[in-house]
N, C-alpha and C. Protein backbone atom coordinates (compact mmCIF):
# COMPACT_ATOMS: atom_id res chain seq x y z
N MET A 1 65.23 3.37 27.22
CA MET A 1 65.20 4.88 27.25
C MET A 1 66.01 5.40 26.10
N HIS A 2 65.25 5.44 24.90
CA HIS A 2 66.08 5.82 23.74
C HIS A 2 66.72 7.04 24.00
N GLU A 3 66.43 8.17 24.80
CA GLU A 3 67.15 9.18 25.06
C GLU A 3 68.64 9.39 25.72
N LEU A 4 69.07 8.11 25.83
CA LEU A 4 70.28 7.64 26.40
C LEU A 4 71.36 7.69 25.01
N GLY A 5 70.55 6.97 24.04
CA GLY A 5 71.55 6.77 22.72
C GLY A 5 71.36 8.16 21.96
N ILE A 6 70.63 8.88 22.01
CA ILE A 6 70.33 10.25 21.79
C ILE A 6 71.22 11.25 21.99
N SER A 7 71.26 11.10 23.23
CA SER A 7 72.36 12.00 23.88
C SER A 7 73.65 11.51 23.58
N GLN A 8 73.90 10.12 23.61
CA GLN A 8 75.42 9.91 22.86
C GLN A 8 75.90 10.51 21.66
N GLU A 9 74.65 10.28 20.76
CA GLU A 9 74.95 10.40 19.40
C GLU A 9 75.03 12.25 19.28
N ILE A 10 74.42 12.75 20.38
CA ILE A 10 74.66 14.28 20.03
C ILE A 10 76.25 14.58 20.54
N VAL A 11 76.54 14.26 21.60
CA VAL A 11 77.77 14.35 22.33
C VAL A 11 79.17 14.11 21.20
N ALA A 12 78.67 12.81 20.20
CA ALA A 12 79.83 12.26 19.25
C ALA A 12 79.76 13.82 18.41
N ILE A 13 78.55 13.87 17.78
CA ILE A 13 78.49 14.85 16.78
C ILE A 13 79.37 16.45 17.13
N VAL A 14 78.87 16.80 18.78
CA VAL A 14 79.38 18.01 19.17
C VAL A 14 80.92 18.14 19.26
N SER A 15 81.25 16.73 19.52
CA SER A 15 82.82 16.49 20.05
C SER A 15 83.52 16.29 18.37
N LYS A 16 82.90 15.90 17.54
CA LYS A 16 83.60 15.81 16.00
C LYS A 16 83.37 17.24 15.52
N ARG A 17 82.59 18.14 15.72
CA ARG A 17 82.45 19.49 15.20
C ARG A 17 83.12 20.33 16.04
N ALA A 18 83.53 20.22 17.06
CA ALA A 18 84.22 21.36 18.20
C ALA A 18 85.66 20.90 17.89
N GLN A 19 86.29 19.87 17.03
CA GLN A 19 87.58 19.88 16.86
C GLN A 19 88.67 20.12 17.87
N GLY A 20 88.11 19.20 19.11
CA GLY A 20 89.05 19.43 20.29
C GLY A 20 89.11 20.76 21.15
N ARG A 21 88.26 21.85 20.40
CA ARG A 21 87.61 22.98 21.35
C ARG A 21 86.88 22.56 22.43
N LYS A 22 86.78 22.78 23.82
CA LYS A 22 85.35 23.02 24.81
C LYS A 22 84.50 23.45 24.27
N VAL A 23 83.29 22.92 24.67
CA VAL A 23 82.12 23.15 24.02
C VAL A 23 81.56 24.02 25.63
N ARG A 24 81.09 25.13 25.49
CA ARG A 24 80.66 26.46 26.66
C ARG A 24 78.77 25.76 26.49
N ARG A 25 78.12 26.12 25.39
CA ARG A 25 76.64 25.98 25.29
C ARG A 25 76.42 25.14 23.94
N LEU A 26 75.09 24.65 24.44
CA LEU A 26 74.72 23.79 23.52
C LEU A 26 72.82 24.29 23.19
N VAL A 27 72.35 24.47 21.84
CA VAL A 27 71.10 24.66 21.78
C VAL A 27 70.44 23.43 21.09
N LEU A 28 69.47 22.82 21.84
CA LEU A 28 68.85 21.58 21.10
C LEU A 28 67.52 21.82 20.60
N GLU A 29 66.86 21.87 19.29
CA GLU A 29 65.14 21.80 19.51
C GLU A 29 64.89 20.13 19.26
N ILE A 30 63.88 20.30 20.29
CA ILE A 30 62.88 19.03 20.26
C ILE A 30 61.62 19.21 20.23
N GLY A 31 61.22 18.65 19.12
CA GLY A 31 59.65 18.50 18.68
C GLY A 31 58.67 17.85 19.70
N LYS A 32 57.50 18.43 20.06
CA LYS A 32 56.62 17.82 20.90
C LYS A 32 56.15 16.57 20.28
N LEU A 33 56.25 16.06 19.50
CA LEU A 33 55.71 14.95 18.90
C LEU A 33 56.76 13.77 18.74
N THR A 34 58.02 13.75 19.36
CA THR A 34 59.59 12.99 18.59
C THR A 34 58.87 12.17 19.62
N ALA A 35 57.94 12.35 21.03
CA ALA A 35 58.38 11.28 22.04
C ALA A 35 59.63 11.44 22.86
N VAL A 36 60.53 12.24 22.50
CA VAL A 36 61.60 12.49 23.26
C VAL A 36 61.21 13.56 24.54
N LEU A 37 62.02 13.09 25.56
CA LEU A 37 61.57 13.59 26.76
C LEU A 37 62.75 14.58 27.27
N PRO A 38 62.57 15.88 27.38
CA PRO A 38 63.61 16.76 27.56
C PRO A 38 64.26 16.43 28.63
N ASP A 39 63.50 16.42 29.68
CA ASP A 39 64.38 15.81 31.00
C ASP A 39 65.32 14.89 30.82
N ALA A 40 64.76 14.12 30.32
CA ALA A 40 65.76 12.88 30.21
C ALA A 40 67.00 13.08 29.18
N VAL A 41 66.68 13.50 28.62
CA VAL A 41 67.85 14.29 27.46
C VAL A 41 68.87 14.78 28.31
N ARG A 42 68.76 15.82 29.00
CA ARG A 42 69.14 16.99 30.13
C ARG A 42 70.33 15.81 31.23
N TYR A 43 69.50 14.71 31.49
CA TYR A 43 70.12 13.86 32.34
C TYR A 43 70.90 13.16 31.95
N CYS A 44 70.72 12.34 30.58
CA CYS A 44 71.85 11.74 29.66
C CYS A 44 72.84 12.60 29.28
N PHE A 45 72.44 13.59 28.75
CA PHE A 45 73.52 14.40 28.35
C PHE A 45 74.42 14.77 29.17
N GLU A 46 73.97 14.77 30.48
CA GLU A 46 75.12 15.09 32.01
C GLU A 46 76.09 13.66 32.03
N LEU A 47 75.20 12.22 31.84
CA LEU A 47 76.10 11.62 31.65
C LEU A 47 76.98 10.98 30.58
N CYS A 48 76.85 11.31 29.32
CA CYS A 48 77.31 11.13 27.96
C CYS A 48 78.33 12.03 27.72
N ASN A 49 78.51 13.16 28.50
CA ASN A 49 79.54 14.21 28.09
C ASN A 49 80.43 14.06 28.94
N GLN A 50 80.64 13.31 30.03
CA GLN A 50 81.95 13.23 30.95
C GLN A 50 82.69 12.85 30.48
N GLY A 51 84.12 13.57 30.22
CA GLY A 51 85.11 13.39 29.88
C GLY A 51 85.61 13.72 28.59
N THR A 52 84.49 14.66 27.92
CA THR A 52 84.55 14.93 26.64
C THR A 52 84.74 16.10 26.38
N VAL A 53 84.63 16.97 25.35
CA VAL A 53 85.00 18.40 25.11
C VAL A 53 83.61 19.11 25.48
N ALA A 54 82.46 18.20 25.59
CA ALA A 54 81.24 18.88 26.06
C ALA A 54 80.95 19.16 27.37
N GLU A 55 81.85 18.58 28.36
CA GLU A 55 81.78 18.08 30.03
C GLU A 55 81.56 19.43 30.14
N GLY A 56 80.72 19.93 31.10
CA GLY A 56 80.24 21.08 31.79
C GLY A 56 79.64 21.96 30.88
N ALA A 57 79.27 21.56 29.53
CA ALA A 57 78.40 22.42 28.74
C ALA A 57 76.75 22.97 29.15
N GLU A 58 76.50 24.14 28.99
CA GLU A 58 75.44 24.14 29.16
C GLU A 58 74.66 23.75 28.09
N LEU A 59 73.13 23.48 28.43
CA LEU A 59 72.21 22.88 27.62
C LEU A 59 71.11 23.27 27.62
N LYS A 60 70.85 24.26 26.42
CA LYS A 60 69.42 24.90 26.53
C LYS A 60 68.35 23.87 25.69
N ILE A 61 67.35 23.24 25.79
CA ILE A 61 66.78 23.10 24.72
C ILE A 61 65.12 24.10 24.65
N VAL A 62 64.87 23.97 23.35
CA VAL A 62 63.98 24.59 22.69
C VAL A 62 63.02 23.64 22.49
N GLU A 63 61.73 23.97 23.20
CA GLU A 63 60.47 22.44 22.56
C GLU A 63 59.50 23.44 21.75
N ILE A 64 59.73 22.77 20.55
CA ILE A 64 58.82 23.04 19.14
C ILE A 64 57.43 22.30 19.11
N ALA A 65 56.59 23.35 19.26
CA ALA A 65 55.05 23.00 19.44
C ALA A 65 54.73 22.17 17.95
N GLY A 66 53.73 20.84 18.73
CA GLY A 66 53.35 20.39 17.18
C GLY A 66 52.47 20.86 16.60
N ARG A 67 52.47 21.04 15.25
CA ARG A 67 51.48 21.83 14.53
C ARG A 67 50.90 20.88 13.18
N ALA A 68 49.51 21.00 12.99
CA ALA A 68 48.93 19.76 12.16
C ALA A 68 48.17 20.60 11.51
N ARG A 69 47.86 20.31 10.03
CA ARG A 69 46.75 20.66 9.14
C ARG A 69 45.65 19.46 8.93
N CYS A 70 44.47 19.59 9.36
CA CYS A 70 43.58 18.95 9.08
C CYS A 70 43.04 18.59 7.32
N ARG A 71 43.19 17.25 7.05
CA ARG A 71 43.19 17.48 5.33
C ARG A 71 41.54 17.06 5.00
N LYS A 72 40.77 17.04 6.43
CA LYS A 72 39.31 17.25 5.86
C LYS A 72 38.65 18.77 5.76
N CYS A 73 39.01 19.41 6.75
CA CYS A 73 38.55 21.12 6.47
C CYS A 73 40.09 21.97 6.30
N ASN A 74 41.20 21.34 6.20
CA ASN A 74 42.10 22.88 6.29
C ASN A 74 42.47 23.46 7.21
N LEU A 75 41.74 23.05 8.59
CA LEU A 75 42.32 24.02 9.68
C LEU A 75 43.70 23.45 10.11
N GLU A 76 44.23 24.38 10.90
CA GLU A 76 45.73 24.47 11.54
C GLU A 76 45.28 24.06 12.80
N LEU A 77 46.08 23.28 13.45
CA LEU A 77 45.76 23.11 14.85
C LEU A 77 47.17 22.70 15.87
N VAL A 78 47.29 23.02 16.89
CA VAL A 78 48.47 22.63 17.60
C VAL A 78 48.33 21.10 18.30
N LEU A 79 49.26 20.38 18.67
CA LEU A 79 49.19 19.18 19.15
C LEU A 79 50.27 18.98 20.22
N ASP A 80 50.10 18.78 21.09
CA ASP A 80 51.20 18.42 22.12
C ASP A 80 51.23 16.93 22.56
N ARG A 81 50.90 15.82 21.70
CA ARG A 81 51.12 14.69 21.47
C ARG A 81 50.77 14.04 20.28
N PRO A 82 51.73 13.04 19.53
CA PRO A 82 51.96 12.75 18.19
C PRO A 82 50.36 11.81 17.70
N PHE A 83 49.20 12.58 18.25
CA PHE A 83 47.89 12.07 17.70
C PHE A 83 46.88 13.31 18.14
N GLY A 84 46.19 13.24 17.30
CA GLY A 84 44.81 14.35 17.57
C GLY A 84 43.64 14.48 16.70
N ARG A 85 42.88 15.35 16.98
CA ARG A 85 41.34 15.24 16.55
C ARG A 85 40.96 16.76 16.32
N CYS A 86 41.04 16.94 14.91
CA CYS A 86 40.50 18.24 14.71
C CYS A 86 39.18 19.04 15.13
N LEU A 87 38.48 19.84 15.17
CA LEU A 87 37.34 20.41 15.55
C LEU A 87 36.31 19.69 15.24
N CYS A 88 36.36 19.40 13.80
CA CYS A 88 35.94 19.06 12.57
C CYS A 88 35.44 17.37 12.99
N GLY A 89 36.37 17.17 13.59
CA GLY A 89 36.56 15.52 14.03
C GLY A 89 37.21 14.32 13.23
N GLY A 90 37.82 15.31 12.14
CA GLY A 90 38.79 14.43 11.32
C GLY A 90 39.97 14.29 12.38
N THR A 91 40.64 13.03 12.04
CA THR A 91 42.01 12.50 12.42
C THR A 91 42.96 12.29 11.47
N ASP A 92 42.45 12.68 10.12
CA ASP A 92 43.79 12.58 8.96
C ASP A 92 44.45 13.70 9.13
N LEU A 93 45.43 13.98 9.74
CA LEU A 93 46.30 15.20 9.80
C LEU A 93 47.50 15.02 9.23
N ASP A 94 48.01 16.39 8.64
CA ASP A 94 49.40 16.34 8.13
C ASP A 94 50.04 17.34 9.03
N TRP A 95 51.43 16.63 9.54
CA TRP A 95 51.94 17.28 10.49
C TRP A 95 53.07 18.61 9.97
N LEU A 96 52.94 19.47 10.55
CA LEU A 96 53.78 20.55 9.76
C LEU A 96 54.85 20.87 10.73
N ALA A 97 54.99 20.62 12.05
CA ALA A 97 55.86 21.15 13.11
C ALA A 97 56.08 20.22 14.24
N GLY A 98 57.48 19.98 14.87
CA GLY A 98 56.84 19.31 16.31
C GLY A 98 57.75 17.99 16.09
N GLU A 99 58.29 17.47 14.96
CA GLU A 99 59.00 16.39 14.75
C GLU A 99 60.65 16.55 14.70
N GLU A 100 61.01 17.90 14.90
CA GLU A 100 62.54 18.10 15.03
C GLU A 100 63.13 17.67 16.25
N LEU A 101 64.27 17.49 15.97
CA LEU A 101 65.35 16.80 16.70
C LEU A 101 66.45 17.43 16.15
N ASN A 102 66.90 18.40 16.34
CA ASN A 102 68.32 18.89 15.85
C ASN A 102 69.02 20.03 17.21
N ILE A 103 70.68 20.10 16.66
CA ILE A 103 71.20 20.57 17.40
C ILE A 103 71.43 21.83 16.47
N LYS A 104 70.93 22.73 17.35
CA LYS A 104 70.46 24.37 16.71
C LYS A 104 71.46 25.31 16.87
N GLU A 105 72.47 25.31 17.79
CA GLU A 105 73.36 25.85 18.03
C GLU A 105 74.55 25.51 19.05
N MET A 106 75.96 25.81 18.73
CA MET A 106 77.04 25.21 19.56
C MET A 106 77.83 26.36 19.64
N GLU A 107 78.33 26.74 20.99
CA GLU A 107 79.14 27.83 21.09
C GLU A 107 80.55 27.13 21.63
N LEU A 108 81.59 27.58 21.46
CA LEU A 108 82.95 27.07 21.38
C LEU A 108 83.47 28.26 22.05
N ALA A 109 84.46 27.81 23.26
CA ALA A 109 85.48 28.19 23.99
C ALA A 109 86.69 29.10 22.97
N ASP A 110 87.07 30.13 23.10
CA ASP A 110 88.02 30.66 22.59
C ASP A 110 89.65 30.02 22.41
N VAL A 111 90.01 29.64 21.68
CA VAL A 111 91.55 28.93 21.66
C VAL A 111 92.40 29.28 22.53
């Protein structure tokens, strides 16, 4: 489960940026084309944040829809998995969105 490693890295980054302050809230963006499962990240985040400044932090995950443009007909389409087929039958797609894995926001407790 690569979500465990991802969650460990998120906690490490957040802990470093918080500089000892308590993390109240964290917002992550996870693209639908990343093959990262939001529920698994939630579970692993709760395991990884124990004993850190992120322990007890509210975790909000924003899922970013996959979007692609067909190179054959230039049509833009929505994808819910990392492969797809255009209405014209084309499978050669430029991905426009959905590969995100970002820490979007971090709210810290007052000093």
